[in-house]
Amino acid sequence: MKRECLCCGAPQGMERFEGRPLEVSYQDLKRTVPGLAGWACSECGEVEFDGASALRYAKAGDEMIEGSSPG
């Protein structure tokens, strides 16, 4: 099943994915977050996570930022 990408407008650009690892980065720090699910556009690369994956991805980014702060 495909759907329209809201970022670039490709009519059938968005495809469902599950179990995909994606990298989150902040400055020179990088971390791979495994097992994510959502939709990805084959035209522009836009990614829309499902709810649980969005929370996990955001948490990984927050942890990197908090860990890099001088303290």
N, C-alpha and C. Protein backbone atom coordinates (compact mmCIF):
# COMPACT_ATOMS: atom_id res chain seq x y z
N MET A 1 0.85 -1.18 0.00
CA MET A 1 0.00 0.00 0.00
C MET A 1 0.90 1.25 0.00
N LYS A 2 0.59 2.17 -0.86
CA LYS A 2 1.32 3.43 -0.95
C LYS A 2 0.35 4.58 -0.77
N ARG A 3 0.92 5.76 -0.44
CA ARG A 3 0.08 6.94 -0.28
C ARG A 3 0.87 8.18 -0.69
N GLU A 4 0.19 9.29 -0.78
CA GLU A 4 0.80 10.55 -1.18
C GLU A 4 1.76 11.07 -0.12
N CYS A 5 2.88 11.61 -0.56
CA CYS A 5 3.83 12.25 0.34
C CYS A 5 3.38 13.69 0.59
N LEU A 6 3.20 14.06 1.83
CA LEU A 6 2.77 15.42 2.16
C LEU A 6 3.92 16.42 2.05
N CYS A 7 5.15 15.94 1.96
CA CYS A 7 6.31 16.82 1.85
C CYS A 7 6.53 17.25 0.40
N CYS A 8 6.64 16.27 -0.52
CA CYS A 8 6.95 16.61 -1.92
C CYS A 8 5.76 16.45 -2.87
N GLY A 9 4.69 15.82 -2.40
CA GLY A 9 3.49 15.68 -3.22
C GLY A 9 3.48 14.48 -4.15
N ALA A 10 4.51 13.62 -4.08
CA ALA A 10 4.52 12.43 -4.93
C ALA A 10 3.27 11.60 -4.63
N PRO A 11 2.44 11.32 -5.65
CA PRO A 11 1.15 10.68 -5.41
C PRO A 11 1.24 9.30 -4.76
N GLN A 12 2.24 8.54 -5.09
CA GLN A 12 2.41 7.20 -4.52
C GLN A 12 3.80 7.05 -3.89
N GLY A 13 4.34 8.15 -3.36
CA GLY A 13 5.70 8.16 -2.85
C GLY A 13 5.91 7.45 -1.52
N MET A 14 4.90 7.50 -0.65
CA MET A 14 5.07 6.95 0.69
C MET A 14 4.76 5.46 0.74
N GLU A 15 5.75 4.71 1.27
CA GLU A 15 5.60 3.26 1.45
C GLU A 15 5.81 2.92 2.91
N ARG A 16 5.03 1.97 3.40
CA ARG A 16 5.11 1.51 4.79
C ARG A 16 6.41 0.74 5.00
N PHE A 17 7.04 0.92 6.18
CA PHE A 17 8.19 0.12 6.56
C PHE A 17 8.06 -0.30 8.02
N GLU A 18 8.70 -1.41 8.36
CA GLU A 18 8.75 -1.89 9.74
C GLU A 18 10.11 -2.52 10.00
N GLY A 19 10.59 -2.40 11.23
CA GLY A 19 11.84 -3.02 11.62
C GLY A 19 13.07 -2.38 11.02
N ARG A 20 12.99 -1.12 10.65
CA ARG A 20 14.08 -0.44 9.96
C ARG A 20 14.96 0.35 10.94
N PRO A 21 16.27 0.20 10.83
CA PRO A 21 17.15 1.04 11.64
C PRO A 21 17.37 2.38 10.95
N LEU A 22 17.32 3.46 11.71
CA LEU A 22 17.60 4.79 11.17
C LEU A 22 18.53 5.53 12.12
N GLU A 23 19.34 6.40 11.54
CA GLU A 23 20.33 7.13 12.32
C GLU A 23 19.79 8.48 12.74
N VAL A 24 20.01 8.82 14.00
CA VAL A 24 19.73 10.15 14.50
C VAL A 24 21.09 10.80 14.77
N SER A 25 21.22 12.07 14.43
CA SER A 25 22.52 12.72 14.62
C SER A 25 22.34 14.11 15.22
N TYR A 26 23.36 14.52 15.94
CA TYR A 26 23.42 15.85 16.53
C TYR A 26 24.87 16.28 16.50
N GLN A 27 25.16 17.35 15.79
CA GLN A 27 26.53 17.83 15.58
C GLN A 27 27.38 16.66 15.07
N ASP A 28 28.41 16.25 15.81
CA ASP A 28 29.25 15.15 15.34
C ASP A 28 28.87 13.81 15.97
N LEU A 29 27.78 13.77 16.72
CA LEU A 29 27.33 12.54 17.37
C LEU A 29 26.30 11.84 16.49
N LYS A 30 26.37 10.51 16.48
CA LYS A 30 25.41 9.72 15.71
C LYS A 30 25.02 8.49 16.51
N ARG A 31 23.76 8.10 16.37
CA ARG A 31 23.28 6.88 17.03
C ARG A 31 22.25 6.22 16.13
N THR A 32 22.34 4.92 15.98
CA THR A 32 21.37 4.17 15.20
C THR A 32 20.26 3.68 16.12
N VAL A 33 19.03 3.95 15.72
CA VAL A 33 17.86 3.50 16.47
C VAL A 33 17.26 2.34 15.69
N PRO A 34 17.30 1.12 16.24
CA PRO A 34 16.83 -0.05 15.50
C PRO A 34 15.31 -0.22 15.58
N GLY A 35 14.77 -1.00 14.66
CA GLY A 35 13.39 -1.46 14.73
C GLY A 35 12.32 -0.41 14.63
N LEU A 36 12.51 0.61 13.81
CA LEU A 36 11.51 1.67 13.67
C LEU A 36 10.47 1.31 12.61
N ALA A 37 9.31 1.93 12.73
CA ALA A 37 8.22 1.68 11.78
C ALA A 37 7.56 2.99 11.39
N GLY A 38 7.00 3.02 10.20
CA GLY A 38 6.29 4.21 9.72
C GLY A 38 6.18 4.20 8.21
N TRP A 39 6.33 5.38 7.61
CA TRP A 39 6.22 5.57 6.17
C TRP A 39 7.45 6.31 5.68
N ALA A 40 7.94 5.97 4.49
CA ALA A 40 9.09 6.67 3.89
C ALA A 40 8.79 6.96 2.43
N CYS A 41 9.21 8.14 1.97
CA CYS A 41 8.98 8.54 0.59
C CYS A 41 10.14 8.11 -0.29
N SER A 42 9.84 7.43 -1.36
CA SER A 42 10.87 6.98 -2.30
C SER A 42 11.34 8.11 -3.20
N GLU A 43 10.63 9.23 -3.22
CA GLU A 43 11.00 10.37 -4.07
C GLU A 43 11.90 11.37 -3.34
N CYS A 44 11.51 11.78 -2.13
CA CYS A 44 12.26 12.83 -1.43
C CYS A 44 12.96 12.36 -0.16
N GLY A 45 12.65 11.15 0.30
CA GLY A 45 13.30 10.62 1.49
C GLY A 45 12.62 10.99 2.80
N GLU A 46 11.53 11.73 2.75
CA GLU A 46 10.79 12.10 3.96
C GLU A 46 10.39 10.83 4.72
N VAL A 47 10.47 10.89 6.06
CA VAL A 47 10.08 9.77 6.91
C VAL A 47 9.03 10.25 7.89
N GLU A 48 7.96 9.47 8.03
CA GLU A 48 6.94 9.71 9.04
C GLU A 48 6.88 8.46 9.91
N PHE A 49 7.22 8.60 11.19
CA PHE A 49 7.21 7.46 12.10
C PHE A 49 5.82 7.20 12.65
N ASP A 50 5.55 5.95 13.04
CA ASP A 50 4.35 5.70 13.80
C ASP A 50 4.59 6.24 15.22
N GLY A 51 3.58 6.25 16.06
CA GLY A 51 3.69 6.88 17.38
C GLY A 51 4.82 6.36 18.25
N ALA A 52 4.89 5.05 18.42
CA ALA A 52 5.92 4.46 19.29
C ALA A 52 7.32 4.70 18.73
N SER A 53 7.48 4.60 17.43
CA SER A 53 8.79 4.83 16.81
C SER A 53 9.20 6.29 16.92
N ALA A 54 8.25 7.21 16.78
CA ALA A 54 8.56 8.63 16.91
C ALA A 54 9.08 8.93 18.31
N LEU A 55 8.48 8.33 19.32
CA LEU A 55 8.93 8.55 20.70
C LEU A 55 10.33 8.00 20.91
N ARG A 56 10.60 6.79 20.39
CA ARG A 56 11.93 6.19 20.54
C ARG A 56 13.00 6.99 19.83
N TYR A 57 12.70 7.47 18.63
CA TYR A 57 13.65 8.26 17.84
C TYR A 57 13.94 9.59 18.55
N ALA A 58 12.90 10.24 19.03
CA ALA A 58 13.07 11.52 19.75
C ALA A 58 13.85 11.32 21.04
N LYS A 59 13.58 10.26 21.76
CA LYS A 59 14.29 9.98 23.01
C LYS A 59 15.77 9.78 22.75
N ALA A 60 16.12 9.05 21.70
CA ALA A 60 17.53 8.83 21.36
C ALA A 60 18.22 10.16 21.06
N GLY A 61 17.55 11.05 20.35
CA GLY A 61 18.11 12.36 20.06
C GLY A 61 18.26 13.20 21.32
N ASP A 62 17.25 13.17 22.18
CA ASP A 62 17.32 13.93 23.44
C ASP A 62 18.48 13.43 24.30
N GLU A 63 18.66 12.12 24.38
CA GLU A 63 19.74 11.55 25.19
C GLU A 63 21.10 11.97 24.66
N MET A 64 21.24 12.05 23.34
CA MET A 64 22.51 12.51 22.77
C MET A 64 22.79 13.96 23.15
N ILE A 65 21.78 14.81 23.03
CA ILE A 65 21.95 16.22 23.34
C ILE A 65 22.26 16.41 24.83
N GLU A 66 21.52 15.72 25.69
CA GLU A 66 21.76 15.83 27.13
C GLU A 66 23.14 15.32 27.50
N GLY A 67 23.58 14.26 26.85
CA GLY A 67 24.90 13.69 27.13
C GLY A 67 26.05 14.53 26.61
N SER A 68 25.79 15.41 25.66
CA SER A 68 26.86 16.23 25.08
C SER A 68 26.98 17.58 25.76
N SER A 69 26.03 17.93 26.62
CA SER A 69 26.06 19.23 27.28
C SER A 69 27.16 19.29 28.32
N PRO A 70 27.92 20.37 28.37
CA PRO A 70 28.93 20.51 29.43
C PRO A 70 28.23 20.60 30.77
N GLY A 71 28.76 19.92 31.73
CA GLY A 71 27.99 19.96 32.95
C GLY A 71 28.74 19.76 34.14
